Protein backbone atom coordinates (compact mmCIF):
# COMPACT_ATOMS: atom_id res chain seq x y z
CA MET A 1 -67.87 -75.37 118.76
CA VAL A 2 -66.34 -76.09 115.50
CA SER A 3 -64.49 -79.30 115.82
CA PRO A 4 -60.94 -79.85 115.34
CA GLU A 5 -61.42 -81.56 111.83
CA ILE A 6 -63.42 -78.96 110.41
CA ILE A 7 -60.37 -76.23 111.53
CA VAL A 8 -58.46 -78.79 109.89
CA LEU A 9 -60.24 -79.38 106.90
CA SER A 10 -60.45 -75.25 106.43
CA ALA A 11 -57.13 -74.75 106.88
CA VAL A 12 -56.39 -77.42 104.21
CA SER A 13 -58.92 -75.76 101.85
CA LEU A 14 -57.68 -72.49 102.62
CA GLY A 15 -53.88 -73.65 101.57
CA LEU A 16 -54.83 -75.44 98.69
CA LEU A 17 -57.04 -72.02 97.24
CA LEU A 18 -53.91 -70.13 98.17
CA LEU A 19 -51.54 -72.53 96.03
CA ILE A 20 -54.01 -72.51 93.33
CA ILE A 21 -54.31 -68.42 93.23
CA PHE A 22 -50.42 -68.31 93.67
CA LEU A 23 -49.87 -71.02 90.89
CA ALA A 24 -52.55 -69.29 88.70
CA ALA A 25 -50.58 -66.12 89.34
CA SER A 26 -47.67 -67.74 88.39
CA PHE A 27 -48.89 -68.68 85.24
CA ILE A 28 -50.20 -65.63 84.18
CA LYS A 29 -46.84 -63.71 85.14
CA GLN A 30 -45.17 -66.39 83.17
CA ARG A 31 -47.61 -66.31 79.89
CA ASN A 32 -47.00 -62.63 80.22
CA MET A 33 -43.61 -62.82 79.98
CA LEU A 34 -43.72 -65.29 77.31
CA VAL A 35 -45.98 -62.83 75.37
CA ASP A 36 -43.68 -59.91 75.93
CA GLN A 37 -40.85 -62.13 75.03
CA LYS A 38 -42.77 -62.94 71.87
CA ASP A 39 -43.65 -59.37 71.13
CA LYS A 40 -39.86 -58.45 71.46
CA LEU A 41 -38.85 -61.10 69.17
CA ILE A 42 -41.26 -60.22 66.65
CA ALA A 43 -40.45 -56.53 66.87
CA GLN A 44 -36.50 -57.46 66.63
CA ASN A 45 -37.33 -59.79 63.60
CA GLU A 46 -38.96 -56.80 62.07
CA ARG A 47 -36.17 -54.29 62.77
CA LEU A 48 -33.75 -57.08 61.52
CA VAL A 49 -35.96 -57.37 58.17
CA GLU A 50 -36.06 -53.50 57.81
CA GLN A 51 -32.16 -53.34 58.60
CA HIS A 52 -31.79 -55.97 55.84
CA GLU A 53 -33.74 -54.35 53.37
CA LYS A 54 -32.14 -51.02 53.86
CA LEU A 55 -28.90 -52.62 53.26
CA VAL A 56 -29.72 -54.20 50.13
CA ALA A 57 -31.19 -50.84 48.80
CA GLN A 58 -27.96 -49.27 49.88
CA GLU A 59 -25.98 -51.96 47.94
CA ARG A 60 -28.09 -51.53 44.94
CA ALA A 61 -27.68 -47.75 45.31
CA LEU A 62 -23.95 -48.12 45.44
CA SER A 63 -23.89 -50.86 42.32
CA ASP A 64 -26.10 -48.15 40.34
CA MET A 65 -23.58 -45.20 41.36
CA ASN A 66 -20.66 -47.74 40.18
CA VAL A 67 -22.37 -48.18 36.88
CA LYS A 68 -22.86 -44.47 36.61
CA LEU A 69 -19.35 -43.70 37.59
CA VAL A 70 -17.94 -46.00 35.07
CA LEU A 71 -19.86 -44.78 32.42
CA SER A 72 -19.25 -41.12 33.15
CA GLN A 73 -15.28 -41.96 32.70
CA ILE A 74 -15.23 -44.06 29.78
CA ARG A 75 -16.04 -40.52 27.48
CA PRO A 76 -16.18 -41.57 23.71
CA HIS A 77 -13.88 -38.20 23.21
CA PHE A 78 -11.47 -39.67 25.66
CA LEU A 79 -11.58 -43.36 23.74
CA TYR A 80 -11.37 -41.77 20.47
CA ASN A 81 -8.30 -39.51 21.49
CA THR A 82 -6.27 -42.04 23.08
CA LEU A 83 -6.83 -44.94 20.22
CA ASN A 84 -6.03 -42.35 17.89
CA ALA A 85 -2.66 -41.08 19.41
CA ILE A 86 -1.81 -45.17 19.70
CA TYR A 87 -2.81 -45.42 15.80
CA TYR A 88 -0.13 -42.80 15.23
CA LEU A 89 2.38 -44.47 17.45
CA CYS A 90 2.15 -48.05 15.67
CA GLU A 91 4.56 -46.73 12.92
CA LYS A 92 6.33 -43.91 14.59
CA ASP A 93 7.13 -45.58 17.78
CA PRO A 94 5.79 -49.15 17.91
CA GLU A 95 7.67 -49.57 21.30
CA THR A 96 5.85 -46.93 22.99
CA ALA A 97 2.58 -47.66 21.22
CA GLN A 98 2.94 -51.25 22.84
CA LYS A 99 2.98 -49.66 26.34
CA ALA A 100 0.18 -47.18 25.49
CA ILE A 101 -2.14 -50.36 24.47
CA SER A 102 -0.90 -52.27 27.92
CA ASP A 103 -1.96 -49.30 30.03
CA PHE A 104 -5.28 -48.64 27.84
CA ALA A 105 -6.30 -52.19 28.56
CA ASP A 106 -5.23 -51.93 32.27
CA TYR A 107 -7.41 -48.72 32.70
CA LEU A 108 -10.65 -50.09 31.06
CA ARG A 109 -9.89 -53.35 33.00
CA GLY A 110 -9.71 -51.27 36.30
CA ASN A 111 -12.93 -49.44 35.50
CA MET A 112 -15.13 -52.88 34.48
CA ASP A 113 -13.73 -54.39 37.81
CA SER A 114 -14.85 -51.87 39.97
CA LEU A 115 -18.49 -52.66 38.38
CA GLU A 116 -18.33 -55.92 40.45
CA SER A 117 -17.27 -54.61 43.70
CA SER A 118 -18.73 -51.95 46.57
CA SER A 119 -15.99 -52.53 48.95
CA PRO A 120 -12.82 -50.57 49.55
CA ILE A 121 -9.53 -51.34 47.70
CA SER A 122 -6.08 -50.56 48.55
CA PHE A 123 -5.02 -46.90 47.82
CA ARG A 124 -2.03 -48.41 45.72
CA ALA A 125 -4.38 -50.61 43.48
CA GLU A 126 -6.13 -47.20 42.94
CA LEU A 127 -2.70 -45.00 42.23
CA SER A 128 -2.26 -47.75 39.89
CA HIS A 129 -5.37 -47.16 38.03
CA VAL A 130 -4.84 -43.13 38.38
CA LYS A 131 -0.86 -44.20 36.39
CA TYR A 132 -2.61 -46.00 33.56
CA TYR A 133 -5.03 -42.96 32.83
CA LEU A 134 -2.57 -40.15 33.49
CA ASN A 135 0.13 -42.31 31.02
CA LEU A 136 -2.60 -42.14 28.46
CA GLU A 137 -3.54 -38.28 28.66
CA GLN A 138 0.27 -37.56 28.38
CA LEU A 139 0.65 -39.08 25.37
CA ARG A 140 -2.30 -37.15 23.78
CA LEU A 141 -1.32 -33.79 25.41
CA GLY A 142 2.39 -34.38 25.86
CA ASP A 143 4.18 -31.49 27.37
CA GLU A 144 0.90 -29.58 28.43
CA LEU A 145 0.42 -32.08 31.30
CA ASN A 146 2.73 -32.70 33.95
CA VAL A 147 2.44 -34.70 37.17
CA VAL A 148 3.90 -34.62 40.38
CA TYR A 149 3.55 -37.43 43.26
CA SER A 150 4.14 -36.06 46.65
CA LEU A 151 3.18 -39.62 48.85
CA HIS A 152 3.77 -39.65 52.58
CA ALA A 153 1.15 -42.26 53.00
CA GLU A 154 0.00 -45.47 51.28
CA ASP A 155 -1.28 -48.08 53.53
CA PHE A 156 -4.78 -47.32 53.44
CA SER A 157 -7.72 -48.30 51.56
CA LEU A 158 -10.90 -46.41 49.98
CA PRO A 159 -13.73 -46.80 47.30
CA PRO A 160 -12.43 -48.00 44.17
CA LEU A 161 -12.78 -45.15 41.27
CA THR A 162 -12.46 -42.39 43.89
CA VAL A 163 -9.02 -40.73 43.20
CA VAL A 164 -8.83 -41.49 39.57
CA THR A 165 -12.26 -39.46 39.07
CA LEU A 166 -11.02 -36.51 40.75
CA VAL A 167 -7.62 -36.68 38.68
CA GLU A 168 -9.63 -37.12 35.58
CA ASN A 169 -12.03 -34.09 36.20
CA ALA A 170 -8.68 -32.04 37.22
CA VAL A 171 -7.08 -33.09 33.60
CA LYS A 172 -10.56 -32.50 31.70
CA HIS A 173 -11.69 -29.23 33.34
CA GLY A 174 -8.54 -27.66 34.75
CA VAL A 175 -5.36 -28.43 32.82
CA ALA A 176 -6.71 -29.23 29.52
CA LYS A 177 -8.25 -25.75 29.20
CA ALA A 178 -5.20 -24.03 30.43
CA GLU A 179 -3.85 -22.07 27.35
CA ASP A 180 -0.40 -23.94 28.28
CA GLY A 181 -1.65 -26.64 30.32
CA GLY A 182 -0.43 -27.54 33.18
CA THR A 183 0.40 -29.38 36.35
CA VAL A 184 -1.76 -32.20 38.54
CA THR A 185 -0.34 -32.99 41.81
CA ILE A 186 -1.18 -35.71 43.75
CA SER A 187 -0.55 -35.95 47.74
CA THR A 188 -0.98 -38.16 50.47
CA TRP A 189 -0.35 -37.91 54.48
CA GLU A 190 -1.05 -39.32 57.60
CA GLY A 191 -2.69 -37.71 60.14
CA LYS A 192 -4.01 -38.54 63.80
CA ASP A 193 -7.53 -39.65 63.05
CA SER A 194 -7.41 -40.02 59.30
CA TYR A 195 -5.84 -40.32 56.07
CA SER A 196 -5.85 -37.41 53.45
CA VAL A 197 -5.33 -37.51 49.53
CA GLU A 198 -5.23 -34.20 47.72
CA ILE A 199 -5.42 -33.87 44.03
CA ARG A 200 -4.37 -30.28 42.89
CA ASP A 201 -4.33 -28.89 39.38
CA ASP A 202 -3.20 -25.46 38.33
CA GLY A 203 -5.78 -25.13 35.56
CA VAL A 204 -8.77 -22.58 34.82
CA GLY A 205 -10.64 -22.97 38.11
CA PHE A 206 -13.69 -21.77 38.68
CA ASP A 207 -15.97 -19.53 40.66
CA MET A 208 -17.22 -21.70 43.78
CA GLU A 209 -20.23 -19.42 44.67
CA GLN A 210 -21.69 -19.82 41.10
CA HIS A 211 -20.89 -23.43 41.10
CA GLU A 212 -23.04 -24.04 44.03
CA LYS A 213 -25.81 -22.05 42.40
CA ASP A 214 -25.69 -24.19 39.08
CA ASP A 215 -28.18 -26.60 39.58
CA ARG A 216 -26.56 -29.05 36.98
CA THR A 217 -25.39 -32.04 38.99
CA HIS A 218 -21.63 -33.42 38.37
CA ILE A 219 -22.43 -36.79 38.39
CA GLY A 220 -18.84 -38.24 39.08
CA ILE A 221 -18.22 -35.68 42.03
CA GLU A 222 -21.79 -36.55 43.88
CA ASN A 223 -20.84 -40.19 43.30
CA VAL A 224 -17.45 -40.00 44.58
CA ARG A 225 -18.68 -37.87 47.78
CA THR A 226 -21.54 -40.25 48.31
CA ARG A 227 -19.63 -43.64 47.91
CA LEU A 228 -16.88 -42.06 50.04
CA ARG A 229 -19.33 -41.34 53.22
CA ALA A 230 -21.31 -44.83 52.45
CA ILE A 231 -18.28 -47.31 51.84
CA SER A 232 -15.21 -45.55 54.11
CA GLY A 233 -17.28 -43.42 56.07
CA GLY A 234 -15.13 -40.49 54.34
CA GLU A 235 -15.81 -36.88 53.02
CA LEU A 236 -14.69 -35.17 50.14
CA TYR A 237 -13.99 -31.09 50.03
CA ILE A 238 -13.57 -28.91 46.81
CA PHE A 239 -11.67 -25.80 46.61
CA SER A 240 -11.71 -23.37 43.29
CA ALA A 241 -11.06 -20.24 42.04
CA PRO A 242 -10.80 -18.72 38.58
CA GLY A 243 -7.30 -18.33 37.18
CA GLU A 244 -5.89 -20.32 40.20
CA GLY A 245 -6.98 -23.79 39.74
CA THR A 246 -8.80 -26.25 41.85
CA LYS A 247 -8.13 -28.61 44.97
CA ALA A 248 -10.06 -31.95 46.09
CA ILE A 249 -9.24 -33.18 49.26
CA ILE A 250 -10.52 -36.95 50.44
CA LYS A 251 -10.64 -37.78 54.02
CA ILE A 252 -10.51 -41.47 55.26
CA PRO A 253 -11.27 -41.89 58.86
CA LYS A 254 -8.77 -44.50 60.38
CA LYS A 255 -12.28 -45.87 62.34
CA GLY A 256 -13.85 -46.34 59.16
CA LEU A 257 -10.96 -48.73 57.63
């Protein structure tokens, strides 16, 4: 017959064994949890590093686009014609020449400032840049360039050099090529979910189907479209027909502002 002492010792030993097993299991579980947390933190850190690298690459790409867009706007032909017009005004109409020099300086400053920023700017600031440019082109083209503003919304933001690039295209490729010149109309309105900007000209226009088949990339338009999506979540739509002119519409979603 087993003595009570042996039974007690056996029970204690069994209890200790069970306690040791429980503690070991708890330790292993905690260890596994720590390993899982460590793996999750490493994976999370890798994702953060990857996201950071993507953001850096995106900012670098946007910066490169800004440079290309600015360089595409500062055309030697435009600069030469503007300076030449100011030169003749200096003697004929000094007051107008002084105003033209101020517009020219502000136009160039606006282009240069955009090199340092990939953030949205107010529509009013972009509109000022547009007006500096159009004042200079009206100085050169005279009555051949008419400008109409139909602004029903101004309290929103968009990437810099967005509207002015499309306006420059409307003048250069639309109105200036028309025999009798034409009109550039800039309109804005507010919708339920977005703000819209329309740049319309009644110049020579072009064939949309032929344009889509053309492998030549219009750097200004493509940069505007890419920057709109990346910076403001916006879109750019182009419509045109030979002899009827061209219409460009910018859509800026309110949720992206």
